[in-house]
PDB file of all heavy atoms in Angstrom:
ATOM      1  N   GLU A   1      -8.980 158.293 177.031  1.00  0.00           N
ATOM      2  CA  GLU A   1      -7.679 157.743 176.746  1.00  0.00           C
ATOM      3  C   GLU A   1      -7.191 156.961 177.946  1.00  0.00           C
ATOM      4  O   GLU A   1      -7.351 157.393 179.060  1.00  0.00           O
ATOM      5  CB  GLU A   1      -6.668 158.892 176.465  1.00  0.00           C
ATOM      6  CG  GLU A   1      -6.983 159.687 175.199  1.00  0.00           C
ATOM      7  CD  GLU A   1      -5.999 160.787 174.953  1.00  0.00           C
ATOM      8  OE1 GLU A   1      -5.058 160.899 175.795  1.00  0.00           O
ATOM      9  OE2 GLU A   1      -6.113 161.511 173.962  1.00  0.00           O
ATOM     10  N   PHE A   2      -6.636 155.798 177.660  1.00  0.00           N
ATOM     11  CA  PHE A   2      -6.122 154.999 178.740  1.00  0.00           C
ATOM     12  C   PHE A   2      -4.770 155.551 179.188  1.00  0.00           C
ATOM     13  O   PHE A   2      -3.970 155.989 178.409  1.00  0.00           O
ATOM     14  CB  PHE A   2      -5.933 153.558 178.265  1.00  0.00           C
ATOM     15  CG  PHE A   2      -7.200 152.865 177.919  1.00  0.00           C
ATOM     16  CD1 PHE A   2      -7.479 152.445 176.643  1.00  0.00           C
ATOM     17  CD2 PHE A   2      -8.149 152.635 178.916  1.00  0.00           C
ATOM     18  CE1 PHE A   2      -8.655 151.817 176.328  1.00  0.00           C
ATOM     19  CE2 PHE A   2      -9.350 152.019 178.607  1.00  0.00           C
ATOM     20  CZ  PHE A   2      -9.597 151.598 177.342  1.00  0.00           C
ATOM     21  N   GLY A   3      -4.601 155.505 180.531  1.00  0.00           N
ATOM     22  CA  GLY A   3      -3.300 155.841 181.061  1.00  0.00           C
ATOM     23  C   GLY A   3      -2.317 154.752 180.733  1.00  0.00           C
ATOM     24  O   GLY A   3      -2.663 153.639 180.353  1.00  0.00           O
ATOM     25  N   GLU A   4      -1.049 154.995 180.943  1.00  0.00           N
ATOM     26  CA  GLU A   4      -0.027 154.002 180.676  1.00  0.00           C
ATOM     27  C   GLU A   4       0.178 153.180 181.928  1.00  0.00           C
ATOM     28  O   GLU A   4       0.750 153.654 182.890  1.00  0.00           O
ATOM     29  CB  GLU A   4       1.256 154.665 180.262  1.00  0.00           C
ATOM     30  CG  GLU A   4       1.171 155.421 178.946  1.00  0.00           C
ATOM     31  CD  GLU A   4       2.465 156.068 178.587  1.00  0.00           C
ATOM     32  OE1 GLU A   4       3.450 155.890 179.329  1.00  0.00           O
ATOM     33  OE2 GLU A   4       2.523 156.706 177.558  1.00  0.00           O
ATOM     34  N   LEU A   5      -0.303 151.936 181.930  1.00  0.00           N
ATOM     35  CA  LEU A   5      -0.045 151.064 183.072  1.00  0.00           C
ATOM     36  C   LEU A   5       1.325 150.466 182.946  1.00  0.00           C
ATOM     37  O   LEU A   5       1.804 150.151 181.863  1.00  0.00           O
ATOM     38  CB  LEU A   5      -1.088 149.959 183.121  1.00  0.00           C
ATOM     39  CG  LEU A   5      -2.415 150.288 183.808  1.00  0.00           C
ATOM     40  CD1 LEU A   5      -3.182 151.254 182.955  1.00  0.00           C
ATOM     41  CD2 LEU A   5      -3.189 149.057 184.108  1.00  0.00           C
ATOM     42  N   GLU A   6       1.983 150.332 184.082  1.00  0.00           N
ATOM     43  CA  GLU A   6       3.351 149.814 184.070  1.00  0.00           C
ATOM     44  C   GLU A   6       3.318 148.397 183.568  1.00  0.00           C
ATOM     45  O   GLU A   6       2.525 147.561 183.971  1.00  0.00           O
ATOM     46  CB  GLU A   6       3.888 149.866 185.492  1.00  0.00           C
ATOM     47  CG  GLU A   6       5.298 149.272 185.589  1.00  0.00           C
ATOM     48  CD  GLU A   6       5.847 149.426 186.968  1.00  0.00           C
ATOM     49  OE1 GLU A   6       5.943 150.555 187.460  1.00  0.00           O
ATOM     50  OE2 GLU A   6       6.191 148.404 187.607  1.00  0.00           O
ATOM     51  N   GLU A   7       4.189 148.101 182.628  1.00  0.00           N
ATOM     52  CA  GLU A   7       4.247 146.770 182.015  1.00  0.00           C
ATOM     53  C   GLU A   7       4.853 145.764 182.977  1.00  0.00           C
ATOM     54  O   GLU A   7       5.905 146.007 183.564  1.00  0.00           O
ATOM     55  CB  GLU A   7       5.034 146.817 180.696  1.00  0.00           C
ATOM     56  CG  GLU A   7       4.359 147.634 179.626  1.00  0.00           C
ATOM     57  CD  GLU A   7       3.057 147.030 179.159  1.00  0.00           C
ATOM     58  OE1 GLU A   7       2.940 145.802 179.189  1.00  0.00           O
ATOM     59  OE2 GLU A   7       2.170 147.812 178.808  1.00  0.00           O
ATOM     60  N   ILE A   8       4.250 144.625 183.148  1.00  0.00           N
ATOM     61  CA  ILE A   8       4.768 143.521 183.956  1.00  0.00           C
ATOM     62  C   ILE A   8       5.084 142.393 182.984  1.00  0.00           C
ATOM     63  O   ILE A   8       4.222 141.867 182.315  1.00  0.00           O
ATOM     64  CB  ILE A   8       3.742 143.058 184.984  1.00  0.00           C
ATOM     65  CG1 ILE A   8       3.275 144.233 185.826  1.00  0.00           C
ATOM     66  CG2 ILE A   8       4.308 141.942 185.858  1.00  0.00           C
ATOM     67  CD1 ILE A   8       4.338 144.866 186.667  1.00  0.00           C
ATOM     68  N   SER A   9       6.361 142.014 182.903  1.00  0.00           N
ATOM     69  CA  SER A   9       6.778 140.996 181.964  1.00  0.00           C
ATOM     70  C   SER A   9       6.333 139.641 182.437  1.00  0.00           C
ATOM     71  O   SER A   9       6.065 139.404 183.627  1.00  0.00           O
ATOM     72  CB  SER A   9       8.298 140.996 181.776  1.00  0.00           C
ATOM     73  OG  SER A   9       8.931 140.609 182.982  1.00  0.00           O
ATOM     74  N   GLU A  10       6.237 138.666 181.527  1.00  0.00           N
ATOM     75  CA  GLU A  10       5.845 137.310 181.905  1.00  0.00           C
ATOM     76  C   GLU A  10       6.845 136.700 182.825  1.00  0.00           C
ATOM     77  O   GLU A  10       6.511 135.883 183.689  1.00  0.00           O
ATOM     78  CB  GLU A  10       5.685 136.439 180.633  1.00  0.00           C
ATOM     79  CG  GLU A  10       4.581 136.887 179.707  1.00  0.00           C
ATOM     80  CD  GLU A  10       3.224 136.755 180.402  1.00  0.00           C
ATOM     81  OE1 GLU A  10       3.018 135.837 181.185  1.00  0.00           O
ATOM     82  OE2 GLU A  10       2.367 137.638 180.182  1.00  0.00           O
ATOM     83  N   GLU A  11       8.150 137.111 182.715  1.00  0.00           N
ATOM     84  CA  GLU A  11       9.140 136.542 183.598  1.00  0.00           C
ATOM     85  C   GLU A  11       8.931 136.987 185.032  1.00  0.00           C
ATOM     86  O   GLU A  11       9.290 136.304 185.979  1.00  0.00           O
ATOM     87  CB  GLU A  11      10.551 136.932 183.139  1.00  0.00           C
ATOM     88  CG  GLU A  11      10.969 136.269 181.805  1.00  0.00           C
ATOM     89  CD  GLU A  11      10.297 136.904 180.629  1.00  0.00           C
ATOM     90  OE1 GLU A  11       9.813 138.074 180.753  1.00  0.00           O
ATOM     91  OE2 GLU A  11      10.215 136.254 179.558  1.00  0.00           O
ATOM     92  N   GLU A  12       8.353 138.190 185.195  1.00  0.00           N
ATOM     93  CA  GLU A  12       8.173 138.711 186.557  1.00  0.00           C
ATOM     94  C   GLU A  12       6.998 138.064 187.239  1.00  0.00           C
ATOM     95  O   GLU A  12       6.890 138.101 188.455  1.00  0.00           O
ATOM     96  CB  GLU A  12       7.921 140.239 186.483  1.00  0.00           C
ATOM     97  CG  GLU A  12       9.181 141.039 186.133  1.00  0.00           C
ATOM     98  CD  GLU A  12       8.865 142.496 186.074  1.00  0.00           C
ATOM     99  OE1 GLU A  12       7.897 142.864 185.421  1.00  0.00           O
ATOM    100  OE2 GLU A  12       9.611 143.287 186.660  1.00  0.00           O
ATOM    101  N   SER A  13       6.087 137.484 186.497  1.00  0.00           N
ATOM    102  CA  SER A  13       4.928 136.816 187.092  1.00  0.00           C
ATOM    103  C   SER A  13       5.205 135.337 187.202  1.00  0.00           C
ATOM    104  O   SER A  13       6.097 134.805 186.559  1.00  0.00           O
ATOM    105  CB  SER A  13       3.682 137.062 186.258  1.00  0.00           C
ATOM    106  OG  SER A  13       3.735 136.280 185.079  1.00  0.00           O
ATOM    107  N   ASN A  14       4.442 134.661 188.037  1.00  0.00           N
ATOM    108  CA  ASN A  14       4.600 133.216 188.157  1.00  0.00           C
ATOM    109  C   ASN A  14       3.553 132.497 187.332  1.00  0.00           C
ATOM    110  O   ASN A  14       3.101 131.424 187.629  1.00  0.00           O
ATOM    111  CB  ASN A  14       4.486 132.760 189.613  1.00  0.00           C
ATOM    112  CG  ASN A  14       3.207 133.308 190.254  1.00  0.00           C
ATOM    113  OD1 ASN A  14       2.407 133.943 189.585  1.00  0.00           O
ATOM    114  ND2 ASN A  14       3.055 133.057 191.540  1.00  0.00           N
ATOM    115  N   SER A  15       3.164 133.167 186.226  1.00  0.00           N
ATOM    116  CA  SER A  15       2.122 132.632 185.374  1.00  0.00           C
ATOM    117  C   SER A  15       2.702 132.293 184.036  1.00  0.00           C
ATOM    118  O   SER A  15       3.570 132.964 183.509  1.00  0.00           O
ATOM    119  CB  SER A  15       1.002 133.646 185.202  1.00  0.00           C
ATOM    120  OG  SER A  15       0.217 133.336 184.097  1.00  0.00           O
ATOM    121  N   THR A  16       2.170 131.227 183.415  1.00  0.00           N
ATOM    122  CA  THR A  16       2.536 130.898 182.073  1.00  0.00           C
ATOM    123  C   THR A  16       1.421 131.253 181.109  1.00  0.00           C
ATOM    124  O   THR A  16       1.543 131.046 179.915  1.00  0.00           O
ATOM    125  CB  THR A  16       2.836 129.382 181.934  1.00  0.00           C
ATOM    126  OG1 THR A  16       1.679 128.653 182.368  1.00  0.00           O
ATOM    127  CG2 THR A  16       4.009 128.997 182.809  1.00  0.00           C
ATOM    128  N   ALA A  17       0.318 131.777 181.631  1.00  0.00           N
ATOM    129  CA  ALA A  17      -0.820 132.143 180.804  1.00  0.00           C
ATOM    130  C   ALA A  17      -0.546 133.438 180.086  1.00  0.00           C
ATOM    131  O   ALA A  17       0.064 134.379 180.622  1.00  0.00           O
ATOM    132  CB  ALA A  17      -2.065 132.268 181.648  1.00  0.00           C
ATOM    133  N   SER A  18      -1.018 133.543 178.873  1.00  0.00           N
ATOM    134  CA  SER A  18      -0.821 134.789 178.102  1.00  0.00           C
ATOM    135  C   SER A  18      -2.013 135.687 178.284  1.00  0.00           C
ATOM    136  O   SER A  18      -3.160 135.239 178.303  1.00  0.00           O
ATOM    137  CB  SER A  18      -0.698 134.424 176.593  1.00  0.00           C
ATOM    138  OG  SER A  18      -0.738 135.599 175.821  1.00  0.00           O
ATOM    139  N   THR A  19      -1.765 136.963 178.467  1.00  0.00           N
ATOM    140  CA  THR A  19      -2.848 137.939 178.557  1.00  0.00           C
ATOM    141  C   THR A  19      -2.839 138.900 177.379  1.00  0.00           C
ATOM    142  O   THR A  19      -3.428 139.940 177.378  1.00  0.00           O
ATOM    143  CB  THR A  19      -2.697 138.766 179.830  1.00  0.00           C
ATOM    144  OG1 THR A  19      -1.449 139.433 179.813  1.00  0.00           O
ATOM    145  CG2 THR A  19      -2.814 137.901 181.066  1.00  0.00           C
ATOM    146  N   ASN A  20      -2.131 138.487 176.332  1.00  0.00           N
ATOM    147  CA  ASN A  20      -2.035 139.329 175.176  1.00  0.00           C
ATOM    148  C   ASN A  20      -2.768 138.724 173.965  1.00  0.00           C
ATOM    149  O   ASN A  20      -2.651 139.210 172.839  1.00  0.00           O
ATOM    150  CB  ASN A  20      -0.571 139.566 174.764  1.00  0.00           C
ATOM    151  CG  ASN A  20       0.149 140.359 175.840  1.00  0.00           C
ATOM    152  OD1 ASN A  20      -0.368 141.308 176.355  1.00  0.00           O
ATOM    153  ND2 ASN A  20       1.406 139.919 176.156  1.00  0.00           N
ATOM    154  N   GLU A  21      -3.519 137.654 174.189  1.00  0.00           N
ATOM    155  CA  GLU A  21      -4.297 137.095 173.109  1.00  0.00           C
ATOM    156  C   GLU A  21      -5.445 138.005 172.740  1.00  0.00           C
ATOM    157  O   GLU A  21      -5.935 138.753 173.579  1.00  0.00           O
ATOM    158  CB  GLU A  21      -4.847 135.705 173.562  1.00  0.00           C
ATOM    159  CG  GLU A  21      -3.720 134.714 173.867  1.00  0.00           C
ATOM    160  CD  GLU A  21      -4.281 133.409 174.405  1.00  0.00           C
ATOM    161  OE1 GLU A  21      -5.507 133.322 174.499  1.00  0.00           O
ATOM    162  OE2 GLU A  21      -3.489 132.513 174.726  1.00  0.00           O
ATOM    163  N   PRO A  22      -5.902 137.953 171.502  1.00  0.00           N
ATOM    164  CA  PRO A  22      -6.983 138.851 171.050  1.00  0.00           C
ATOM    165  C   PRO A  22      -8.231 138.736 171.956  1.00  0.00           C
ATOM    166  O   PRO A  22      -8.888 139.744 172.239  1.00  0.00           O
ATOM    167  CB  PRO A  22      -7.281 138.361 169.642  1.00  0.00           C
ATOM    168  CG  PRO A  22      -6.017 137.737 169.187  1.00  0.00           C
ATOM    169  CD  PRO A  22      -5.397 137.113 170.396  1.00  0.00           C
ATOM    170  N   ASP A  23      -8.561 137.525 172.434  1.00  0.00           N
ATOM    171  CA  ASP A  23      -9.758 137.358 173.269  1.00  0.00           C
ATOM    172  C   ASP A  23      -9.620 138.073 174.595  1.00  0.00           C
ATOM    173  O   ASP A  23     -10.601 138.386 175.258  1.00  0.00           O
ATOM    174  CB  ASP A  23     -10.032 135.885 173.516  1.00  0.00           C
ATOM    175  CG  ASP A  23     -10.539 135.181 172.258  1.00  0.00           C
ATOM    176  OD1 ASP A  23     -10.940 135.912 171.313  1.00  0.00           O
ATOM    177  OD2 ASP A  23     -10.513 133.946 172.211  1.00  0.00           O
ATOM    178  N   ASP A  24      -8.382 138.325 175.044  1.00  0.00           N
ATOM    179  CA  ASP A  24      -8.160 138.989 176.318  1.00  0.00           C
ATOM    180  C   ASP A  24      -8.095 140.487 176.229  1.00  0.00           C
ATOM    181  O   ASP A  24      -8.133 141.173 177.246  1.00  0.00           O
ATOM    182  CB  ASP A  24      -6.852 138.458 176.944  1.00  0.00           C
ATOM    183  CG  ASP A  24      -6.981 137.013 177.364  1.00  0.00           C
ATOM    184  OD1 ASP A  24      -8.100 136.571 177.647  1.00  0.00           O
ATOM    185  OD2 ASP A  24      -5.938 136.310 177.449  1.00  0.00           O
ATOM    186  N   ALA A  25      -7.984 141.014 174.995  1.00  0.00           N
ATOM    187  CA  ALA A  25      -7.837 142.462 174.857  1.00  0.00           C
ATOM    188  C   ALA A  25      -8.985 143.235 175.512  1.00  0.00           C
ATOM    189  O   ALA A  25      -8.732 144.248 176.212  1.00  0.00           O
ATOM    190  CB  ALA A  25      -7.707 142.842 173.352  1.00  0.00           C
ATOM    191  N   PRO A  26     -10.271 142.866 175.339  1.00  0.00           N
ATOM    192  CA  PRO A  26     -11.332 143.610 176.030  1.00  0.00           C
ATOM    193  C   PRO A  26     -11.197 143.573 177.536  1.00  0.00           C
ATOM    194  O   PRO A  26     -11.506 144.536 178.215  1.00  0.00           O
ATOM    195  CB  PRO A  26     -12.619 142.889 175.563  1.00  0.00           C
ATOM    196  CG  PRO A  26     -12.241 142.248 174.289  1.00  0.00           C
ATOM    197  CD  PRO A  26     -10.799 141.833 174.443  1.00  0.00           C
ATOM    198  N   VAL A  27     -10.731 142.452 178.119  1.00  0.00           N
ATOM    199  CA  VAL A  27     -10.552 142.346 179.548  1.00  0.00           C
ATOM    200  C   VAL A  27      -9.475 143.301 180.023  1.00  0.00           C
ATOM    201  O   VAL A  27      -9.651 143.989 181.037  1.00  0.00           O
ATOM    202  CB  VAL A  27     -10.206 140.895 179.959  1.00  0.00           C
ATOM    203  CG1 VAL A  27      -9.873 140.801 181.446  1.00  0.00           C
ATOM    204  CG2 VAL A  27     -11.365 139.984 179.616  1.00  0.00           C
ATOM    205  N   VAL A  28      -8.356 143.373 179.289  1.00  0.00           N
ATOM    206  CA  VAL A  28      -7.274 144.268 179.636  1.00  0.00           C
ATOM    207  C   VAL A  28      -7.751 145.713 179.606  1.00  0.00           C
ATOM    208  O   VAL A  28      -7.483 146.519 180.516  1.00  0.00           O
ATOM    209  CB  VAL A  28      -6.072 144.059 178.715  1.00  0.00           C
ATOM    210  CG1 VAL A  28      -4.975 145.103 178.993  1.00  0.00           C
ATOM    211  CG2 VAL A  28      -5.501 142.667 178.871  1.00  0.00           C
ATOM    212  N   LYS A  29      -8.491 146.047 178.543  1.00  0.00           N
ATOM    213  CA  LYS A  29      -8.988 147.424 178.425  1.00  0.00           C
ATOM    214  C   LYS A  29     -10.018 147.754 179.513  1.00  0.00           C
ATOM    215  O   LYS A  29     -10.034 148.856 180.044  1.00  0.00           O
ATOM    216  CB  LYS A  29      -9.668 147.620 177.030  1.00  0.00           C
ATOM    217  CG  LYS A  29      -8.666 147.719 175.889  1.00  0.00           C
ATOM    218  CD  LYS A  29      -9.397 148.058 174.587  1.00  0.00           C
ATOM    219  CE  LYS A  29      -8.437 148.223 173.434  1.00  0.00           C
ATOM    220  NZ  LYS A  29      -9.174 148.569 172.198  1.00  0.00           N
ATOM    221  N   PHE A  30     -10.850 146.768 179.833  1.00  0.00           N
ATOM    222  CA  PHE A  30     -11.848 146.997 180.859  1.00  0.00           C
ATOM    223  C   PHE A  30     -11.158 147.242 182.193  1.00  0.00           C
ATOM    224  O   PHE A  30     -11.577 148.161 182.947  1.00  0.00           O
ATOM    225  CB  PHE A  30     -12.770 145.745 180.965  1.00  0.00           C
ATOM    226  CG  PHE A  30     -13.760 145.809 182.092  1.00  0.00           C
ATOM    227  CD1 PHE A  30     -14.843 146.662 182.007  1.00  0.00           C
ATOM    228  CD2 PHE A  30     -13.580 145.057 183.229  1.00  0.00           C
ATOM    229  CE1 PHE A  30     -15.755 146.728 183.063  1.00  0.00           C
ATOM    230  CE2 PHE A  30     -14.484 145.111 184.264  1.00  0.00           C
ATOM    231  CZ  PHE A  30     -15.567 145.973 184.179  1.00  0.00           C
ATOM    232  N   LEU A  31     -10.167 146.454 182.538  1.00  0.00           N
ATOM    233  CA  LEU A  31      -9.444 146.628 183.814  1.00  0.00           C
ATOM    234  C   LEU A  31      -8.775 148.013 183.854  1.00  0.00           C
ATOM    235  O   LEU A  31      -8.817 148.716 184.840  1.00  0.00           O
ATOM    236  CB  LEU A  31      -8.420 145.526 184.017  1.00  0.00           C
ATOM    237  CG  LEU A  31      -7.540 145.654 185.273  1.00  0.00           C
ATOM    238  CD1 LEU A  31      -8.439 145.653 186.500  1.00  0.00           C
ATOM    239  CD2 LEU A  31      -6.528 144.530 185.305  1.00  0.00           C
ATOM    240  N   GLN A  32      -8.135 148.391 182.727  1.00  0.00           N
ATOM    241  CA  GLN A  32      -7.501 149.712 182.659  1.00  0.00           C
ATOM    242  C   GLN A  32      -8.516 150.815 182.884  1.00  0.00           C
ATOM    243  O   GLN A  32      -8.278 151.741 183.691  1.00  0.00           O
ATOM    244  CB  GLN A  32      -6.879 149.902 181.263  1.00  0.00           C
ATOM    245  CG  GLN A  32      -5.569 149.142 181.060  1.00  0.00           C
ATOM    246  CD  GLN A  32      -4.978 149.397 179.691  1.00  0.00           C
ATOM    247  OE1 GLN A  32      -5.701 149.427 178.697  1.00  0.00           O
ATOM    248  NE2 GLN A  32      -3.679 149.601 179.640  1.00  0.00           N
ATOM    249  N   LYS A  33      -9.654 150.716 182.246  1.00  0.00           N
ATOM    250  CA  LYS A  33     -10.674 151.772 182.363  1.00  0.00           C
ATOM    251  C   LYS A  33     -11.187 151.831 183.799  1.00  0.00           C
ATOM    252  O   LYS A  33     -11.356 152.926 184.344  1.00  0.00           O
ATOM    253  CB  LYS A  33     -11.831 151.541 181.401  1.00  0.00           C
ATOM    254  CG  LYS A  33     -12.936 152.576 181.570  1.00  0.00           C
ATOM    255  CD  LYS A  33     -13.893 152.524 180.418  1.00  0.00           C
ATOM    256  CE  LYS A  33     -15.151 153.332 180.675  1.00  0.00           C
ATOM    257  NZ  LYS A  33     -15.021 154.559 181.457  1.00  0.00           N
ATOM    258  N   MET A  34     -11.428 150.682 184.413  1.00  0.00           N
ATOM    259  CA  MET A  34     -11.942 150.700 185.774  1.00  0.00           C
ATOM    260  C   MET A  34     -10.938 151.329 186.730  1.00  0.00           C
ATOM    261  O   MET A  34     -11.290 152.152 187.590  1.00  0.00           O
ATOM    262  CB  MET A  34     -12.227 149.275 186.259  1.00  0.00           C
ATOM    263  CG  MET A  34     -13.452 148.626 185.605  1.00  0.00           C
ATOM    264  SD  MET A  34     -15.007 149.446 186.005  1.00  0.00           S
ATOM    265  CE  MET A  34     -15.229 150.450 184.550  1.00  0.00           C
ATOM    266  N   ILE A  35      -9.641 150.998 186.570  1.00  0.00           N
ATOM    267  CA  ILE A  35      -8.632 151.593 187.471  1.00  0.00           C
ATOM    268  C   ILE A  35      -8.492 153.073 187.254  1.00  0.00           C
ATOM    269  O   ILE A  35      -8.434 153.864 188.228  1.00  0.00           O
ATOM    270  CB  ILE A  35      -7.284 150.852 187.267  1.00  0.00           C
ATOM    271  CG1 ILE A  35      -7.376 149.453 187.796  1.00  0.00           C
ATOM    272  CG2 ILE A  35      -6.136 151.588 187.938  1.00  0.00           C
ATOM    273  CD1 ILE A  35      -6.154 148.582 187.504  1.00  0.00           C
ATOM    274  N   ILE A  36      -8.466 153.486 186.000  1.00  0.00           N
ATOM    275  CA  ILE A  36      -8.300 154.926 185.694  1.00  0.00           C
ATOM    276  C   ILE A  36      -9.549 155.711 186.167  1.00  0.00           C
ATOM    277  O   ILE A  36      -9.439 156.783 186.751  1.00  0.00           O
ATOM    278  CB  ILE A  36      -8.053 155.117 184.203  1.00  0.00           C
ATOM    279  CG1 ILE A  36      -6.687 154.542 183.841  1.00  0.00           C
ATOM    280  CG2 ILE A  36      -8.110 156.595 183.834  1.00  0.00           C
ATOM    281  CD1 ILE A  36      -6.450 154.359 182.365  1.00  0.00           C
ATOM    282  N   ASP A  37     -10.764 155.162 185.928  1.00  0.00           N
ATOM    283  CA  ASP A  37     -11.969 155.806 186.382  1.00  0.00           C
ATOM    284  C   ASP A  37     -11.990 155.929 187.905  1.00  0.00           C
ATOM    285  O   ASP A  37     -12.356 156.977 188.446  1.00  0.00           O
ATOM    286  CB  ASP A  37     -13.201 155.043 185.917  1.00  0.00           C
ATOM    287  CG  ASP A  37     -13.502 155.261 184.443  1.00  0.00           C
ATOM    288  OD1 ASP A  37     -12.786 156.083 183.835  1.00  0.00           O
ATOM    289  OD2 ASP A  37     -14.394 154.594 183.908  1.00  0.00           O
ATOM    290  N   ALA A  38     -11.550 154.868 188.593  1.00  0.00           N
ATOM    291  CA  ALA A  38     -11.531 154.899 190.047  1.00  0.00           C
ATOM    292  C   ALA A  38     -10.595 155.987 190.566  1.00  0.00           C
ATOM    293  O   ALA A  38     -10.914 156.720 191.498  1.00  0.00           O
ATOM    294  CB  ALA A  38     -11.105 153.516 190.601  1.00  0.00           C
ATOM    295  N   TYR A  39      -9.428 156.051 189.922  1.00  0.00           N
ATOM    296  CA  TYR A  39      -8.466 157.077 190.347  1.00  0.00           C
ATOM    297  C   TYR A  39      -8.981 158.463 190.126  1.00  0.00           C
ATOM    298  O   TYR A  39      -8.881 159.355 191.008  1.00  0.00           O
ATOM    299  CB  TYR A  39      -7.147 156.873 189.588  1.00  0.00           C
ATOM    300  CG  TYR A  39      -6.103 157.905 189.872  1.00  0.00           C
ATOM    301  CD1 TYR A  39      -5.405 157.923 191.074  1.00  0.00           C
ATOM    302  CD2 TYR A  39      -5.812 158.908 188.937  1.00  0.00           C
ATOM    303  CE1 TYR A  39      -4.453 158.880 191.333  1.00  0.00           C
ATOM    304  CE2 TYR A  39      -4.883 159.868 189.192  1.00  0.00           C
ATOM    305  CZ  TYR A  39      -4.209 159.871 190.399  1.00  0.00           C
ATOM    306  OH  TYR A  39      -3.261 160.849 190.659  1.00  0.00           O
ATOM    307  N   ARG A  40      -9.606 158.696 188.959  1.00  0.00           N
ATOM    308  CA  ARG A  40     -10.104 160.038 188.629  1.00  0.00           C
ATOM    309  C   ARG A  40     -11.310 160.404 189.487  1.00  0.00           C
ATOM    310  O   ARG A  40     -11.552 161.592 189.774  1.00  0.00           O
ATOM    311  CB  ARG A  40     -10.468 160.108 187.157  1.00  0.00           C
ATOM    312  CG  ARG A  40      -9.231 160.089 186.251  1.00  0.00           C
ATOM    313  CD  ARG A  40      -9.617 160.013 184.770  1.00  0.00           C
ATOM    314  NE  ARG A  40      -8.402 160.048 183.936  1.00  0.00           N
ATOM    315  CZ  ARG A  40      -8.423 159.808 182.649  1.00  0.00           C
ATOM    316  NH1 ARG A  40      -9.539 159.494 182.009  1.00  0.00           N
ATOM    317  NH2 ARG A  40      -7.287 159.844 181.961  1.00  0.00           N
ATOM    318  N   MET A  41     -12.075 159.411 189.908  1.00  0.00           N
ATOM    319  CA  MET A  41     -13.250 159.695 190.747  1.00  0.00           C
ATOM    320  C   MET A  41     -12.901 159.784 192.237  1.00  0.00           C
ATOM    321  O   MET A  41     -13.805 160.021 193.057  1.00  0.00           O
ATOM    322  CB  MET A  41     -14.321 158.590 190.539  1.00  0.00           C
ATOM    323  CG  MET A  41     -14.909 158.577 189.117  1.00  0.00           C
ATOM    324  SD  MET A  41     -15.896 157.102 188.774  1.00  0.00           S
ATOM    325  CE  MET A  41     -17.279 157.396 189.832  1.00  0.00           C
ATOM    326  N   GLY A  42     -11.648 159.582 192.563  1.00  0.00           N
ATOM    327  CA  GLY A  42     -11.224 159.690 193.985  1.00  0.00           C
ATOM    328  C   GLY A  42     -11.591 158.492 194.823  1.00  0.00           C
ATOM    329  O   GLY A  42     -11.737 158.614 196.018  1.00  0.00           O
ATOM    330  N   ALA A  43     -11.747 157.333 194.188  1.00  0.00           N
ATOM    331  CA  ALA A  43     -12.123 156.121 194.924  1.00  0.00           C
ATOM    332  C   ALA A  43     -10.957 155.612 195.738  1.00  0.00           C
ATOM    333  O   ALA A  43      -9.776 155.777 195.357  1.00  0.00           O
ATOM    334  CB  ALA A  43     -12.606 155.037 193.983  1.00  0.00           C
ATOM    335  N   SER A  44     -11.236 154.982 196.870  1.00  0.00           N
ATOM    336  CA  SER A  44     -10.163 154.378 197.687  1.00  0.00           C
ATOM    337  C   SER A  44      -9.984 152.898 197.381  1.00  0.00           C
ATOM    338  O   SER A  44      -8.926 152.351 197.563  1.00  0.00           O
ATOM    339  CB  SER A  44     -10.456 154.588 199.167  1.00  0.00           C
ATOM    340  OG  SER A  44     -11.682 153.947 199.500  1.00  0.00           O
ATOM    341  N   ASP A  45     -11.081 152.227 196.931  1.00  0.00           N
ATOM    342  CA  ASP A  45     -11.027 150.792 196.678  1.00  0.00           C
ATOM    343  C   ASP A  45     -11.871 150.458 195.461  1.00  0.00           C
ATOM    344  O   ASP A  45     -12.880 151.108 195.172  1.00  0.00           O
ATOM    345  CB  ASP A  45     -11.590 150.000 197.876  1.00  0.00           C
ATOM    346  CG  ASP A  45     -10.778 150.266 199.149  1.00  0.00           C
ATOM    347  OD1 ASP A  45     -11.101 151.235 199.873  1.00  0.00           O
ATOM    348  OD2 ASP A  45      -9.847 149.495 199.405  1.00  0.00           O
TER     349      ASP A  45
END
């Protein structure tokens, strides 16, 4: 199960690119999994 990552609104970023398109969904999930796995494995970086 993915942890709940804090939502960052588009207004808070200086980007106009969308990261919610269907093609980006695997990338978002992959990043979530890597961060959560790193935290659970006790990684520092």
